[in-house]
Amino acid sequence: MICFIACFRGVFKVPRVLCFFLTVLNVTFLQAEAVEQQDRYNWEMELDPYYSSLGLYVNLTDEEIPNLGDKTEREIYQDLLLRSHKPRFLLLEFSVNPMPILGASIRHNSDYAYDKAQITNNINVIEVLTAGFEEPYAVSLFMGNMVTYGEGEQANNKGFMGYLLSYGDKHLLNNEVIDDNWFEFEWKIKGKIKKENKNLDWSFRVGGKWHDNESIADAIYVGMRRDHINVNRKWLSLLDNSGIDVFFEFDQTNFRPTQQRFLIHKNFPLKESKNIFTLTMGLIRTTDRRYQAPLVEDTSVQLVITPSIKFD
């Protein structure tokens, strides 16, 4: 009933993407109630100033999620590839990007504050702190395979491989909100190893993104991210407590580059709280082929400095 009422956008002003998520979620709940005792679904929430999400995991088979024990990254990839022919797992997720939403709100509601943040012709502090996120929110459906690995208390580490379909109805460009119904489809593999004093997570993805706003180029892309945390290592170590995120995007029409991203993460473990303070720094280069009139943009390079906290 709540989901039904929420879809009256004229009364509650609920975005269409959220209405869609709530409706599908309501149907999923009805289906999940029949299998609750079999432990075929569970919730997971991620909180982060830049990317927060609420997801519902659904096991599509009667089998338990396999545990691979104490495996290396290579062995985890090999096992996931062998299982990829038969998807057995579904994830429905709604995500929001709080800091980019805040940046868009400031630009929309306070020209004075936004102008004061302009420290040079090419650098605006608010844009620097919110760059790298092209949508305020999204709803996603992942279907593929999941495995757990590790032993004892670390037996809940997860690895994923499969297909991800995402949708949203807004696009962010320099903290301006643009109407754009977009769809994204990608194949990805990701995983995380979490031990007492060490975390390692990685992601590799290949996909495409389509926009109904003709001023934004449809694109194909490839991206890779890897992040390492070791609370017993010194903060200033180049390899330990560091991560990297690289991304290459090309126009679907002529396969010419539209955007490149290179980011470095530096992690600072907070031993008393077990949380991690992360500082991300890097550059995003956007070419003049990515946007057309009236969103014409010359080739530009955007500085990125985003502080964040990873909650344990």
Protein backbone atom coordinates (compact mmCIF):
# COMPACT_ATOMS: atom_id res chain seq x y z
CA MET A 1 0.00 0.00 0.00
CA ILE A 2 2.83 2.43 0.82
CA CYS A 3 4.47 1.74 -2.52
CA PHE A 4 1.12 2.31 -4.29
CA ILE A 5 0.54 5.65 -2.57
CA ALA A 6 4.13 6.80 -3.19
CA CYS A 7 3.63 6.54 -6.94
CA PHE A 8 1.16 9.44 -6.90
CA ARG A 9 3.95 11.81 -7.90
CA GLY A 10 1.61 14.77 -8.12
CA VAL A 11 1.03 14.60 -4.35
CA PHE A 12 4.33 13.37 -2.97
CA LYS A 13 6.69 14.55 -5.77
CA VAL A 14 8.42 11.17 -5.87
CA PRO A 15 10.82 10.77 -8.84
CA ARG A 16 9.79 8.16 -11.41
CA VAL A 17 12.93 6.11 -10.81
CA LEU A 18 12.08 5.86 -7.10
CA CYS A 19 8.47 4.92 -7.90
CA PHE A 20 9.75 2.17 -10.17
CA PHE A 21 12.10 0.92 -7.46
CA LEU A 22 9.38 0.92 -4.81
CA THR A 23 6.93 -0.93 -7.06
CA VAL A 24 9.43 -3.64 -8.00
CA LEU A 25 10.54 -3.87 -4.39
CA ASN A 26 6.94 -4.39 -3.28
CA VAL A 27 6.52 -7.26 -5.76
CA THR A 28 9.83 -8.74 -4.65
CA PHE A 29 8.69 -8.65 -1.04
CA LEU A 30 5.54 -10.59 -1.91
CA GLN A 31 7.62 -13.23 -3.63
CA ALA A 32 10.23 -13.32 -0.90
CA GLU A 33 7.73 -13.93 1.89
CA ALA A 34 7.13 -17.43 0.57
CA VAL A 35 10.81 -18.35 0.81
CA GLU A 36 11.78 -16.43 3.95
CA GLN A 37 12.40 -19.56 6.00
CA GLN A 38 14.81 -20.83 3.36
CA ASP A 39 17.01 -17.75 3.82
CA ARG A 40 16.94 -16.96 0.11
CA TYR A 41 17.06 -13.19 0.47
CA ASN A 42 18.66 -10.57 2.69
CA TRP A 43 19.20 -6.82 2.92
CA GLU A 44 22.46 -4.93 2.73
CA MET A 45 23.03 -1.21 3.26
CA GLU A 46 26.09 0.86 2.38
CA LEU A 47 26.57 4.35 3.82
CA ASP A 48 29.03 6.78 2.29
CA PRO A 49 28.97 10.57 1.79
CA TYR A 50 29.36 10.06 -1.96
CA TYR A 51 27.56 6.77 -2.65
CA SER A 52 24.95 5.22 -0.36
CA SER A 53 22.76 2.28 -1.29
CA LEU A 54 20.09 -0.11 -0.10
CA GLY A 55 20.02 -3.51 -1.77
CA LEU A 56 17.96 -6.69 -1.62
CA TYR A 57 19.81 -9.92 -2.41
CA VAL A 58 17.70 -12.80 -3.75
CA ASN A 59 18.95 -16.36 -4.22
CA LEU A 60 17.17 -17.68 -7.33
CA THR A 61 17.83 -21.34 -6.51
CA ASP A 62 17.25 -23.67 -3.57
CA GLU A 63 20.99 -24.08 -3.10
CA GLU A 64 23.01 -22.19 -0.52
CA ILE A 65 25.51 -19.62 -1.72
CA PRO A 66 28.77 -21.55 -2.15
CA ASN A 67 31.68 -20.82 0.17
CA LEU A 68 35.10 -21.27 -1.45
CA GLY A 69 37.06 -21.22 1.79
CA ASP A 70 40.40 -19.45 1.90
CA LYS A 71 41.03 -18.60 -1.77
CA THR A 72 43.29 -16.21 -3.65
CA GLU A 73 41.95 -13.53 -6.00
CA ARG A 74 42.91 -15.61 -9.02
CA GLU A 75 41.10 -18.69 -7.72
CA ILE A 76 37.98 -16.62 -6.95
CA TYR A 77 37.91 -15.24 -10.53
CA GLN A 78 38.34 -18.71 -12.00
CA ASP A 79 35.48 -20.13 -9.95
CA LEU A 80 33.15 -17.25 -10.84
CA LEU A 81 33.93 -17.65 -14.56
CA LEU A 82 33.05 -21.35 -14.39
CA ARG A 83 29.73 -20.51 -12.76
CA SER A 84 28.87 -17.55 -15.01
CA HIS A 85 26.85 -19.61 -17.52
CA LYS A 86 24.03 -20.09 -15.00
CA PRO A 87 22.91 -16.95 -13.12
CA ARG A 88 21.63 -17.88 -9.69
CA PHE A 89 21.56 -14.60 -7.85
CA LEU A 90 19.72 -11.29 -8.14
CA LEU A 91 20.35 -7.92 -6.53
CA LEU A 92 17.86 -5.05 -6.60
CA GLU A 93 19.49 -1.81 -5.44
CA PHE A 94 18.55 1.83 -5.01
CA SER A 95 21.47 4.24 -4.68
CA VAL A 96 21.87 7.95 -3.97
CA ASN A 97 24.91 10.23 -4.19
CA PRO A 98 24.58 12.65 -1.22
CA MET A 99 27.51 14.99 -1.87
CA PRO A 100 26.75 15.51 -5.58
CA ILE A 101 23.12 16.16 -4.61
CA LEU A 102 24.33 18.75 -2.09
CA GLY A 103 26.52 20.40 -4.74
CA ALA A 104 23.57 20.61 -7.15
CA SER A 105 21.38 22.03 -4.40
CA ILE A 106 23.91 24.76 -3.59
CA ARG A 107 24.22 25.77 -7.24
CA HIS A 108 20.44 25.82 -7.69
CA ASN A 109 19.58 27.70 -4.48
CA SER A 110 22.55 29.99 -3.81
CA ASP A 111 24.38 31.73 -6.63
CA TYR A 112 26.33 33.71 -4.02
CA ALA A 113 27.75 30.62 -2.29
CA TYR A 114 28.56 28.98 -5.62
CA ASP A 115 30.31 32.08 -6.96
CA LYS A 116 32.34 32.40 -3.76
CA ALA A 117 33.57 28.84 -4.31
CA GLN A 118 35.14 29.88 -7.64
CA ILE A 119 38.81 30.32 -6.72
CA THR A 120 40.19 30.47 -10.30
CA ASN A 121 38.68 30.58 -13.80
CA ASN A 122 38.86 26.78 -14.01
CA ILE A 123 38.53 25.65 -10.40
CA ASN A 124 35.37 25.78 -8.30
CA VAL A 125 35.72 24.18 -4.87
CA ILE A 126 32.20 22.72 -4.93
CA GLU A 127 32.83 21.12 -8.32
CA VAL A 128 36.17 19.75 -7.13
CA LEU A 129 34.48 18.14 -4.11
CA THR A 130 31.60 16.60 -6.08
CA ALA A 131 33.10 15.65 -9.48
CA GLY A 132 32.94 12.12 -10.85
CA PHE A 133 29.23 11.43 -10.29
CA GLU A 134 26.89 11.92 -13.24
CA GLU A 135 23.56 11.17 -11.57
CA PRO A 136 21.95 12.02 -8.23
CA TYR A 137 20.37 8.59 -7.85
CA ALA A 138 19.76 5.34 -9.72
CA VAL A 139 17.95 2.04 -9.53
CA SER A 140 19.88 -1.08 -10.56
CA LEU A 141 19.19 -4.73 -11.21
CA PHE A 142 22.11 -7.17 -11.08
CA MET A 143 21.83 -10.80 -12.17
CA GLY A 144 24.71 -13.23 -12.02
CA ASN A 145 26.62 -15.28 -9.53
CA MET A 146 27.87 -14.70 -6.03
CA VAL A 147 30.26 -16.69 -3.89
CA THR A 148 31.44 -16.25 -0.34
CA TYR A 149 34.93 -17.09 0.82
CA GLY A 150 37.13 -16.95 3.86
CA GLU A 151 37.09 -18.95 7.06
CA GLY A 152 35.69 -18.38 10.52
CA GLU A 153 34.58 -14.79 11.12
CA GLN A 154 35.78 -13.80 7.63
CA ALA A 155 33.51 -16.34 5.88
CA ASN A 156 31.14 -13.60 4.67
CA ASN A 157 33.53 -12.07 2.12
CA LYS A 158 31.78 -11.88 -1.25
CA GLY A 159 32.67 -12.09 -4.92
CA PHE A 160 30.31 -11.18 -7.79
CA MET A 161 30.19 -11.70 -11.52
CA GLY A 162 27.31 -10.92 -13.83
CA TYR A 163 25.23 -8.32 -15.64
CA LEU A 164 24.03 -4.97 -14.31
CA LEU A 165 21.16 -2.88 -15.70
CA SER A 166 20.76 0.65 -14.28
CA TYR A 167 18.30 3.46 -14.89
CA GLY A 168 17.88 7.10 -13.86
CA ASP A 169 16.07 10.21 -15.07
CA LYS A 170 18.60 12.96 -14.25
CA HIS A 171 22.12 13.86 -15.35
CA LEU A 172 24.61 16.05 -13.46
CA LEU A 173 26.92 18.39 -15.35
CA ASN A 174 29.01 20.84 -13.32
CA ASN A 175 26.43 20.59 -10.50
CA GLU A 176 23.55 21.42 -12.83
CA VAL A 177 20.63 18.97 -12.99
CA ILE A 178 19.65 18.01 -16.55
CA ASP A 179 16.58 15.99 -17.56
CA ASP A 180 17.78 12.74 -19.11
CA ASN A 181 16.29 9.27 -19.06
CA TRP A 182 19.36 7.09 -19.27
CA PHE A 183 20.01 3.34 -19.29
CA GLU A 184 23.26 1.58 -18.56
CA PHE A 185 24.19 -2.05 -19.17
CA GLU A 186 27.46 -3.61 -18.10
CA TRP A 187 29.26 -6.85 -17.36
CA LYS A 188 31.28 -6.69 -14.19
CA ILE A 189 33.31 -8.70 -11.75
CA LYS A 190 33.97 -7.46 -8.23
CA GLY A 191 34.94 -8.75 -4.84
CA LYS A 192 36.16 -7.89 -1.40
CA ILE A 193 38.49 -9.52 1.10
CA LYS A 194 38.04 -8.35 4.66
CA LYS A 195 40.28 -9.68 7.40
CA GLU A 196 41.09 -8.47 10.89
CA ASN A 197 43.71 -5.92 9.83
CA LYS A 198 43.48 -5.99 6.04
CA ASN A 199 40.87 -5.07 3.41
CA LEU A 200 41.17 -5.53 -0.33
CA ASP A 201 38.45 -4.82 -2.88
CA TRP A 202 38.46 -4.70 -6.65
CA SER A 203 36.16 -4.16 -9.60
CA PHE A 204 36.41 -4.57 -13.37
CA ARG A 205 33.58 -3.55 -15.73
CA VAL A 206 32.77 -3.18 -19.41
CA GLY A 207 29.54 -1.62 -20.60
CA GLY A 208 27.51 0.99 -22.43
CA LYS A 209 25.28 3.93 -21.55
CA TRP A 210 22.39 5.36 -23.57
CA HIS A 211 20.74 8.79 -23.11
CA ASP A 212 17.41 10.08 -24.38
CA ASN A 213 18.83 13.61 -24.14
CA GLU A 214 20.33 14.09 -27.61
CA SER A 215 22.89 16.57 -26.27
CA ILE A 216 24.70 13.78 -24.40
CA ALA A 217 26.65 11.21 -26.41
CA ASP A 218 25.86 7.51 -26.01
CA ALA A 219 29.02 5.75 -24.90
CA ILE A 220 30.83 2.50 -24.32
CA TYR A 221 33.44 2.18 -21.59
CA VAL A 222 35.86 0.05 -19.62
CA GLY A 223 36.84 0.69 -15.99
CA MET A 224 38.99 -0.82 -13.27
CA ARG A 225 39.30 -0.10 -9.55
CA ARG A 226 41.44 -1.68 -6.86
CA ASP A 227 41.76 -0.58 -3.24
CA HIS A 228 43.98 -1.87 -0.43
CA ILE A 229 43.86 -1.21 3.33
CA ASN A 230 46.25 -2.52 5.97
CA VAL A 231 45.93 -0.98 9.42
CA ASN A 232 49.40 -2.24 10.41
CA ARG A 233 51.16 -0.30 7.65
CA LYS A 234 52.28 3.32 7.70
CA TRP A 235 49.97 5.86 6.08
CA LEU A 236 52.69 7.22 3.80
CA SER A 237 53.46 3.86 2.17
CA LEU A 238 52.95 4.16 -1.61
CA LEU A 239 51.39 0.70 -2.07
CA ASP A 240 49.73 -0.07 1.25
CA ASN A 241 46.57 1.83 2.15
CA SER A 242 46.23 3.06 -1.43
CA GLY A 243 43.95 2.47 -4.38
CA ILE A 244 43.53 3.33 -8.05
CA ASP A 245 40.52 3.96 -10.27
CA VAL A 246 40.88 4.25 -14.07
CA PHE A 247 38.08 4.72 -16.61
CA PHE A 248 38.02 5.10 -20.41
CA GLU A 249 34.88 6.09 -22.34
CA PHE A 250 34.25 6.25 -26.11
CA ASP A 251 31.48 7.55 -28.37
CA GLN A 252 29.30 4.67 -29.65
CA THR A 253 29.07 6.26 -33.11
CA ASN A 254 32.72 6.75 -34.02
CA PHE A 255 34.54 5.19 -31.03
CA ARG A 256 36.44 8.40 -30.39
CA PRO A 257 37.37 9.20 -26.75
CA THR A 258 34.78 11.15 -24.78
CA GLN A 259 36.14 10.90 -21.24
CA GLN A 260 39.09 9.54 -19.27
CA ARG A 261 39.39 9.34 -15.51
CA PHE A 262 42.42 8.65 -13.32
CA LEU A 263 41.95 8.70 -9.56
CA ILE A 264 44.16 7.69 -6.64
CA HIS A 265 42.74 6.78 -3.23
CA LYS A 266 44.71 7.21 -0.03
CA ASN A 267 43.29 5.43 3.03
CA PHE A 268 43.89 6.45 6.64
CA PRO A 269 42.72 3.74 9.06
CA LEU A 270 41.16 5.10 12.26
CA LYS A 271 42.14 2.40 14.73
CA GLU A 272 39.94 3.50 17.59
CA SER A 273 36.70 3.40 15.55
CA LYS A 274 37.77 0.86 12.88
CA ASN A 275 36.46 3.24 10.23
CA ILE A 276 38.59 4.43 7.30
CA PHE A 277 39.13 8.01 6.23
CA THR A 278 39.75 8.12 2.47
CA LEU A 279 41.08 10.97 0.36
CA THR A 280 40.60 10.59 -3.40
CA MET A 281 42.58 12.79 -5.78
CA GLY A 282 42.86 12.82 -9.53
CA LEU A 283 41.77 14.21 -12.87
CA ILE A 284 38.80 13.76 -15.19
CA ARG A 285 39.31 14.74 -18.82
CA THR A 286 36.15 15.32 -20.85
CA THR A 287 36.46 15.91 -24.60
CA ASP A 288 34.31 18.19 -26.77
CA ARG A 289 32.64 15.11 -28.31
CA ARG A 290 30.73 14.24 -25.15
CA TYR A 291 28.19 17.08 -25.15
CA GLN A 292 26.41 18.86 -27.99
CA ALA A 293 24.32 22.04 -28.09
CA PRO A 294 22.86 23.42 -25.89
CA LEU A 295 25.26 21.61 -23.54
CA VAL A 296 28.32 22.41 -25.63
CA GLU A 297 31.48 21.93 -23.63
CA ASP A 298 35.04 22.41 -24.78
CA THR A 299 37.58 19.78 -23.87
CA SER A 300 38.23 20.24 -20.17
CA VAL A 301 40.20 18.74 -17.30
CA GLN A 302 38.46 18.60 -13.92
CA LEU A 303 40.42 18.39 -10.68
CA VAL A 304 38.94 15.91 -8.17
CA ILE A 305 39.54 15.98 -4.40
CA THR A 306 36.92 14.02 -2.46
CA PRO A 307 37.27 13.21 1.26
CA SER A 308 35.13 10.37 2.53
CA ILE A 309 34.69 7.88 5.39
CA LYS A 310 34.26 4.13 4.97
CA PHE A 311 32.18 2.87 7.84
CA ASP A 312 33.05 -0.54 9.24
